[in-house]
Amino acid sequence: MNLLRKLLFPFAVLYGLVTCIRNFLFDKGVLKSYSFELPIIAVGNLSVGGTGKTPQIEYLIRFLSDKYKIATLSRGYKRQSKGFILAEATSNAETLGDEPFQFYQKFPSIQVAVDADRKNGIEQLLSQSIKPEVILLDDAFQHRKVKAGFYILLTSYGDLYSDDCMLPTGNLRESQSGDARANVIIVTKCPFNLSSEEQEDIKKRLNLTTNQELYFTFIAYDGYIYGENLKIKGNEIQDAAKVLVAGIAKPEPFFAYFKDTNEVCLSFPDHHNFTDKDILEIKKLAQNNMIITTEKDYMRLKGSLPSGQLFYLPIKSTFISGSENFDKTITDYVGTSTANR
């Protein structure tokens, strides 16, 4: 812990106290939580940023969308719009936010909505002519105003919430005891060959309750980079000059994927809104060479950079083991909740 964070420790204690009181008031019903008569799955974390919520939401979309009408509901962080918005043909990353726009581009058969007030967002979705049968709440673990039927808590392998502290000393949005609300806990961004011994050690450190399930996932790549109506094998561009651009919380795995190749790396803050100055800098560095970015950043950069130069590297969340059990748990929850409507 650096000196500044040590100096901020009293503020962390105060912030932790405020969040504990808030959770206590929700738990006791003093502050009201609203339930809805359809399956609602909330995906989130206890810490700020970088745990892999987007690929986990996409996993759920792929798994559920063949059987159910799916809607995603996000806050739409750093979007340049207000209130409830349901994605449609004129939507973009500015009106929806980068991650919801990514959902809309990749999964045209589902409904994608944004609203900082998740209760209002759900009510608006249920008022549409085509009503969703399952709603996936993106980054909503602390949004206690809505009581989801199922909670998935994510924590990064290299930054477990059990080893973290409250903001601003650490990165926790609420105390570690908040994990009690989770039905499933997923340790994300693991080495793909994580040993069973280390998995057991992490399980002990997280101190799960008997009714909670624990899973481990890693970031998987399909070996291609993608551009507008084009995909290229990664090994074909290994020696090509390129500029790598990332505006995500923890860009190290993205940069590491292209290690030992001829590249310049540019890192921006998470959810960065690229300015004209940023675009000029990228163009100057790239000249006529390839520009490769994350899928999330691609949603904001396309249209500002030459389509023939701009590519992105997609990722998927892949279970080290136990995917069948996870799928069954989700199927059982959604099926039971749907049957009881």
Protein backbone atom coordinates (compact mmCIF):
# COMPACT_ATOMS: atom_id res chain seq x y z
CA MET A 1 0.00 0.00 0.00
CA ASN A 2 1.53 3.32 -1.03
CA LEU A 3 1.84 6.31 1.32
CA LEU A 4 -1.11 8.22 -0.16
CA ARG A 5 -3.45 5.27 0.33
CA LYS A 6 -2.26 4.89 3.92
CA LEU A 7 -3.03 8.55 4.55
CA LEU A 8 -6.52 8.02 3.13
CA PHE A 9 -7.27 5.13 5.52
CA PRO A 10 -9.60 7.19 7.78
CA PHE A 11 -11.72 8.00 4.73
CA ALA A 12 -11.84 4.29 3.87
CA VAL A 13 -13.17 3.55 7.36
CA LEU A 14 -15.82 6.25 6.96
CA TYR A 15 -16.80 5.04 3.48
CA GLY A 16 -17.01 1.46 4.74
CA LEU A 17 -19.26 2.56 7.59
CA VAL A 18 -21.59 4.40 5.20
CA THR A 19 -21.90 1.40 2.86
CA CYS A 20 -22.48 -0.98 5.79
CA ILE A 21 -25.28 1.23 7.13
CA ARG A 22 -26.81 1.43 3.65
CA ASN A 23 -26.75 -2.35 3.24
CA PHE A 24 -28.17 -2.82 6.75
CA LEU A 25 -31.09 -0.51 5.92
CA PHE A 26 -31.82 -2.47 2.73
CA ASP A 27 -31.51 -5.80 4.56
CA LYS A 28 -34.00 -4.65 7.22
CA GLY A 29 -36.44 -3.20 4.70
CA VAL A 30 -36.02 0.41 5.85
CA LEU A 31 -34.81 1.19 2.35
CA LYS A 32 -37.06 -0.62 -0.10
CA SER A 33 -35.91 -3.14 -2.70
CA TYR A 34 -38.24 -3.90 -5.60
CA SER A 35 -38.77 -7.38 -7.05
CA PHE A 36 -40.21 -8.28 -10.44
CA GLU A 37 -42.05 -11.35 -11.69
CA LEU A 38 -39.46 -12.54 -14.17
CA PRO A 39 -35.93 -13.97 -13.91
CA ILE A 40 -33.38 -11.22 -13.25
CA ILE A 41 -29.68 -12.07 -13.10
CA ALA A 42 -27.32 -9.42 -11.72
CA VAL A 43 -23.63 -9.58 -12.64
CA GLY A 44 -21.20 -7.39 -10.74
CA ASN A 45 -18.27 -7.11 -8.37
CA LEU A 46 -17.23 -5.68 -5.03
CA SER A 47 -14.33 -3.70 -6.49
CA VAL A 48 -14.05 -0.98 -9.11
CA GLY A 49 -13.54 -2.06 -12.72
CA GLY A 50 -11.64 -4.72 -14.56
CA THR A 51 -13.18 -8.04 -13.41
CA GLY A 52 -14.56 -9.15 -16.78
CA LYS A 53 -18.26 -8.36 -16.47
CA THR A 54 -18.74 -7.83 -20.21
CA PRO A 55 -17.51 -11.27 -21.36
CA GLN A 56 -19.53 -12.90 -18.57
CA ILE A 57 -22.71 -11.11 -19.66
CA GLU A 58 -21.97 -12.20 -23.23
CA TYR A 59 -21.59 -15.81 -22.05
CA LEU A 60 -25.07 -15.62 -20.50
CA ILE A 61 -26.53 -14.05 -23.65
CA ARG A 62 -25.14 -16.86 -25.82
CA PHE A 63 -26.37 -19.51 -23.41
CA LEU A 64 -29.90 -18.16 -22.87
CA SER A 65 -30.89 -16.36 -26.07
CA ASP A 66 -31.84 -19.51 -28.00
CA LYS A 67 -34.59 -20.29 -25.48
CA TYR A 68 -35.66 -16.93 -24.05
CA LYS A 69 -36.22 -13.31 -25.04
CA ILE A 70 -33.24 -11.61 -23.40
CA ALA A 71 -32.73 -7.99 -22.39
CA THR A 72 -29.60 -6.44 -20.94
CA LEU A 73 -29.88 -3.39 -18.71
CA SER A 74 -26.79 -1.31 -17.97
CA ARG A 75 -26.11 2.05 -16.43
CA GLY A 76 -24.41 3.19 -19.63
CA TYR A 77 -21.32 4.56 -17.91
CA LYS A 78 -19.93 7.77 -19.47
CA ARG A 79 -22.61 7.86 -22.15
CA GLN A 80 -23.56 11.29 -23.44
CA SER A 81 -27.29 10.85 -22.80
CA LYS A 82 -29.69 10.66 -19.87
CA GLY A 83 -32.56 8.48 -18.72
CA PHE A 84 -33.89 5.28 -20.26
CA ILE A 85 -32.78 4.43 -23.78
CA LEU A 86 -33.62 1.27 -25.71
CA ALA A 87 -31.01 0.59 -28.38
CA GLU A 88 -32.12 0.99 -31.98
CA ALA A 89 -30.62 1.58 -35.42
CA THR A 90 -29.38 5.12 -34.72
CA SER A 91 -27.78 4.23 -31.37
CA ASN A 92 -24.03 4.44 -30.89
CA ALA A 93 -21.41 4.31 -28.14
CA GLU A 94 -22.10 7.93 -27.23
CA THR A 95 -25.81 7.38 -26.57
CA LEU A 96 -25.54 3.90 -25.00
CA GLY A 97 -22.03 3.63 -23.59
CA ASP A 98 -19.36 1.37 -25.06
CA GLU A 99 -20.34 -1.94 -23.46
CA PRO A 100 -24.10 -1.78 -24.13
CA PHE A 101 -23.37 -0.72 -27.71
CA GLN A 102 -21.10 -3.75 -28.01
CA PHE A 103 -23.98 -5.98 -26.85
CA TYR A 104 -26.28 -4.36 -29.41
CA GLN A 105 -23.80 -4.81 -32.26
CA LYS A 106 -23.00 -8.44 -31.44
CA PHE A 107 -26.45 -9.71 -30.46
CA PRO A 108 -29.10 -8.06 -32.66
CA SER A 109 -31.82 -10.48 -31.52
CA ILE A 110 -31.84 -9.20 -27.91
CA GLN A 111 -33.04 -5.96 -26.34
CA VAL A 112 -30.30 -3.67 -25.02
CA ALA A 113 -31.26 -0.85 -22.67
CA VAL A 114 -29.53 1.68 -20.45
CA ASP A 115 -30.83 3.50 -17.39
CA ALA A 116 -29.01 4.59 -14.23
CA ASP A 117 -32.28 3.88 -12.38
CA ARG A 118 -32.50 0.12 -12.84
CA LYS A 119 -36.01 -0.06 -11.37
CA ASN A 120 -37.28 2.40 -13.94
CA GLY A 121 -35.28 0.63 -16.64
CA ILE A 122 -36.96 -2.70 -15.86
CA GLU A 123 -40.39 -1.09 -15.80
CA GLN A 124 -39.71 0.52 -19.18
CA LEU A 125 -38.57 -2.80 -20.66
CA LEU A 126 -41.71 -4.51 -19.38
CA SER A 127 -43.85 -1.82 -20.99
CA GLN A 128 -42.49 -2.57 -24.47
CA SER A 129 -44.66 -4.41 -27.00
CA ILE A 130 -42.12 -7.25 -26.99
CA LYS A 131 -41.42 -8.00 -23.34
CA PRO A 132 -38.21 -9.72 -22.21
CA GLU A 133 -38.42 -13.10 -20.51
CA VAL A 134 -35.03 -12.75 -18.78
CA ILE A 135 -33.20 -9.55 -17.81
CA LEU A 136 -29.43 -9.43 -17.31
CA LEU A 137 -28.36 -6.55 -15.06
CA ASP A 138 -24.86 -5.38 -15.93
CA ASP A 139 -22.71 -4.08 -13.05
CA ALA A 140 -25.60 -4.04 -10.59
CA PHE A 141 -24.30 -5.82 -7.49
CA GLN A 142 -24.53 -2.63 -5.41
CA HIS A 143 -27.83 -1.49 -6.97
CA ARG A 144 -29.94 -2.62 -4.00
CA LYS A 145 -33.07 -0.75 -5.14
CA VAL A 146 -33.74 -3.74 -7.41
CA LYS A 147 -33.71 -7.19 -5.85
CA ALA A 148 -32.50 -9.62 -8.48
CA GLY A 149 -33.42 -13.26 -8.24
CA PHE A 150 -29.87 -14.43 -8.90
CA TYR A 151 -26.49 -12.76 -8.23
CA ILE A 152 -23.17 -13.54 -9.91
CA LEU A 153 -20.16 -11.95 -8.20
CA LEU A 154 -16.89 -11.62 -10.14
CA THR A 155 -13.40 -11.19 -8.70
CA SER A 156 -10.10 -11.13 -10.59
CA TYR A 157 -7.55 -13.88 -10.00
CA GLY A 158 -4.78 -11.33 -9.46
CA ASP A 159 -6.85 -9.08 -7.22
CA LEU A 160 -9.22 -11.10 -5.03
CA TYR A 161 -11.69 -9.04 -3.03
CA SER A 162 -10.68 -11.00 0.07
CA ASP A 163 -7.22 -9.38 -0.18
CA ASP A 164 -8.52 -5.86 -0.84
CA CYS A 165 -9.54 -2.82 1.24
CA MET A 166 -12.28 -0.22 1.03
CA LEU A 167 -11.98 2.81 -1.21
CA PRO A 168 -9.96 5.02 -1.27
CA THR A 169 -7.32 2.92 0.52
CA GLY A 170 -8.14 -0.07 -1.68
CA ASN A 171 -10.55 -0.75 -4.53
CA LEU A 172 -13.64 -2.13 -2.76
CA ARG A 173 -17.00 -0.43 -3.30
CA GLU A 174 -18.41 -2.19 -0.25
CA SER A 175 -17.06 -4.48 2.46
CA GLN A 176 -16.12 -8.07 1.78
CA SER A 177 -19.22 -9.21 3.67
CA GLY A 178 -21.26 -8.11 0.65
CA ASP A 179 -20.29 -11.39 -0.99
CA ALA A 180 -23.00 -13.06 1.10
CA ARG A 181 -25.58 -11.85 -1.45
CA ALA A 182 -23.95 -13.87 -4.24
CA ASN A 183 -25.37 -17.17 -5.46
CA VAL A 184 -22.31 -17.78 -7.61
CA ILE A 185 -18.78 -16.40 -7.32
CA ILE A 186 -16.50 -16.52 -10.36
CA VAL A 187 -12.75 -15.94 -10.19
CA THR A 188 -11.95 -14.41 -13.57
CA LYS A 189 -8.78 -13.93 -15.64
CA CYS A 190 -7.13 -17.05 -14.22
CA PRO A 191 -4.21 -18.86 -15.86
CA PHE A 192 -5.83 -21.46 -18.13
CA ASN A 193 -3.84 -24.19 -16.35
CA LEU A 194 -4.72 -23.13 -12.80
CA SER A 195 -4.09 -26.16 -10.59
CA SER A 196 -6.76 -27.78 -8.44
CA GLU A 197 -4.57 -27.09 -5.40
CA GLU A 198 -4.56 -23.35 -6.08
CA GLN A 199 -8.30 -23.41 -6.75
CA GLU A 200 -8.81 -24.98 -3.34
CA ASP A 201 -6.56 -22.37 -1.72
CA ILE A 202 -8.58 -19.54 -3.30
CA LYS A 203 -11.80 -21.19 -2.13
CA LYS A 204 -10.51 -21.13 1.45
CA ARG A 205 -9.43 -17.49 1.15
CA LEU A 206 -12.85 -16.43 -0.15
CA ASN A 207 -14.55 -18.32 2.70
CA LEU A 208 -17.72 -19.23 0.81
CA THR A 209 -20.92 -20.31 2.48
CA THR A 210 -22.21 -23.83 1.87
CA ASN A 211 -24.91 -22.69 -0.58
CA GLN A 212 -22.56 -20.68 -2.82
CA GLU A 213 -20.95 -22.08 -5.96
CA LEU A 214 -17.41 -21.17 -7.04
CA TYR A 215 -16.05 -21.25 -10.60
CA PHE A 216 -12.83 -20.24 -12.34
CA THR A 217 -12.57 -18.72 -15.81
CA PHE A 218 -9.82 -17.56 -18.13
CA ILE A 219 -9.69 -15.18 -21.07
CA ALA A 220 -9.84 -17.06 -24.38
CA TYR A 221 -8.97 -15.77 -27.84
CA ASP A 222 -10.02 -17.31 -31.15
CA GLY A 223 -6.73 -16.51 -32.89
CA TYR A 224 -8.08 -13.74 -35.14
CA ILE A 225 -8.28 -9.98 -35.15
CA TYR A 226 -11.34 -8.40 -36.72
CA GLY A 227 -11.99 -5.28 -38.76
CA GLU A 228 -14.86 -4.02 -40.87
CA ASN A 229 -16.01 -7.10 -42.85
CA LEU A 230 -12.58 -8.66 -42.38
CA LYS A 231 -10.72 -11.03 -40.09
CA ILE A 232 -7.02 -11.87 -40.07
CA LYS A 233 -5.16 -14.68 -38.33
CA GLY A 234 -3.08 -13.34 -35.49
CA ASN A 235 0.07 -15.16 -36.56
CA GLU A 236 -0.08 -13.47 -39.95
CA ILE A 237 0.49 -10.04 -38.42
CA GLN A 238 3.06 -11.07 -35.81
CA ASP A 239 5.91 -9.14 -37.43
CA ALA A 240 3.82 -6.28 -38.82
CA ALA A 241 4.24 -2.81 -37.35
CA LYS A 242 1.19 -1.90 -35.30
CA VAL A 243 -0.19 0.46 -32.68
CA LEU A 244 -2.08 -1.10 -29.76
CA VAL A 245 -4.74 1.10 -28.14
CA ALA A 246 -6.57 0.23 -24.91
CA GLY A 247 -8.99 2.26 -22.78
CA ILE A 248 -9.83 -0.43 -20.23
CA ALA A 249 -9.19 -0.81 -16.50
CA LYS A 250 -6.50 -3.49 -16.70
CA PRO A 251 -4.96 -3.57 -20.21
CA GLU A 252 -1.97 -5.78 -19.40
CA PRO A 253 -3.45 -9.05 -20.80
CA PHE A 254 -4.40 -7.25 -24.04
CA PHE A 255 -0.88 -5.90 -24.52
CA ALA A 256 0.66 -9.22 -23.45
CA TYR A 257 -1.23 -11.08 -26.20
CA PHE A 258 0.92 -9.28 -28.78
CA LYS A 259 4.19 -9.62 -26.87
CA ASP A 260 7.44 -9.95 -28.81
CA THR A 261 5.90 -8.25 -31.82
CA ASN A 262 6.59 -4.92 -33.44
CA GLU A 263 4.16 -2.61 -31.66
CA VAL A 264 3.66 0.70 -29.88
CA CYS A 265 1.30 0.59 -26.88
CA LEU A 266 -1.09 3.40 -25.95
CA SER A 267 -3.06 3.11 -22.71
CA PHE A 268 -5.99 5.34 -21.74
CA PRO A 269 -8.27 5.32 -18.66
CA ASP A 270 -11.22 2.92 -18.51
CA HIS A 271 -14.24 4.05 -20.57
CA HIS A 272 -12.12 6.87 -22.03
CA ASN A 273 -13.90 9.21 -24.41
CA PHE A 274 -11.35 9.66 -27.18
CA THR A 275 -10.77 13.31 -28.04
CA ASP A 276 -9.69 14.80 -31.36
CA LYS A 277 -6.22 15.15 -29.85
CA ASP A 278 -6.17 11.44 -28.97
CA ILE A 279 -7.22 10.49 -32.51
CA LEU A 280 -4.48 12.68 -34.00
CA GLU A 281 -1.90 11.07 -31.71
CA ILE A 282 -3.00 7.57 -32.73
CA LYS A 283 -2.93 8.48 -36.43
CA LYS A 284 0.51 10.06 -36.09
CA LEU A 285 1.95 6.98 -34.39
CA ALA A 286 0.27 4.53 -36.75
CA GLN A 287 0.97 6.29 -40.06
CA ASN A 288 -0.20 3.58 -42.51
CA ASN A 289 0.25 0.69 -40.07
CA MET A 290 -2.38 -1.39 -38.30
CA ILE A 291 -4.22 -0.07 -35.25
CA ILE A 292 -5.45 -2.85 -32.95
CA THR A 293 -7.70 -2.15 -29.99
CA THR A 294 -10.03 -3.94 -27.60
CA GLU A 295 -13.53 -4.77 -28.76
CA LYS A 296 -14.98 -2.25 -26.31
CA ASP A 297 -12.72 0.55 -27.54
CA TYR A 298 -13.42 -0.38 -31.16
CA MET A 299 -17.05 0.63 -30.61
CA ARG A 300 -15.89 4.18 -29.83
CA LEU A 301 -13.02 4.45 -32.31
CA LYS A 302 -14.66 3.21 -35.49
CA GLY A 303 -15.71 6.17 -37.57
CA SER A 304 -12.82 8.24 -36.20
CA LEU A 305 -10.01 6.10 -37.63
CA PRO A 306 -9.57 4.61 -41.13
CA SER A 307 -11.59 1.38 -41.33
CA GLY A 308 -8.84 -0.32 -43.34
CA GLN A 309 -6.37 0.19 -40.50
CA LEU A 310 -8.55 -0.40 -37.44
CA PHE A 311 -8.94 -3.88 -35.93
CA TYR A 312 -9.99 -5.34 -32.58
CA LEU A 313 -9.18 -8.42 -30.53
CA PRO A 314 -12.31 -10.10 -29.12
CA ILE A 315 -12.25 -12.14 -25.92
CA LYS A 316 -14.46 -14.79 -24.38
CA SER A 317 -14.91 -15.94 -20.81
CA THR A 318 -14.16 -19.68 -20.67
CA PHE A 319 -14.59 -21.96 -17.68
CA ILE A 320 -11.56 -23.97 -16.58
CA SER A 321 -13.99 -26.66 -15.44
CA GLY A 322 -17.56 -27.01 -14.26
CA SER A 323 -19.26 -25.13 -17.11
CA GLU A 324 -21.97 -27.80 -17.26
CA ASN A 325 -22.75 -27.27 -13.57
CA PHE A 326 -22.85 -23.49 -14.04
CA ASP A 327 -25.16 -23.82 -17.04
CA LYS A 328 -27.45 -26.13 -15.09
CA THR A 329 -27.58 -23.70 -12.16
CA ILE A 330 -28.61 -20.88 -14.51
CA THR A 331 -31.10 -23.13 -16.34
CA ASP A 332 -32.68 -24.25 -13.07
CA TYR A 333 -33.06 -20.67 -11.82
CA VAL A 334 -34.47 -19.28 -15.05
CA GLY A 335 -36.71 -22.29 -15.67
CA THR A 336 -38.15 -22.27 -12.16
CA SER A 337 -38.66 -18.51 -12.15
CA THR A 338 -40.33 -18.58 -15.56
CA ALA A 339 -42.61 -21.46 -14.54
CA ASN A 340 -43.76 -19.53 -11.47
CA ARG A 341 -44.79 -16.40 -13.37
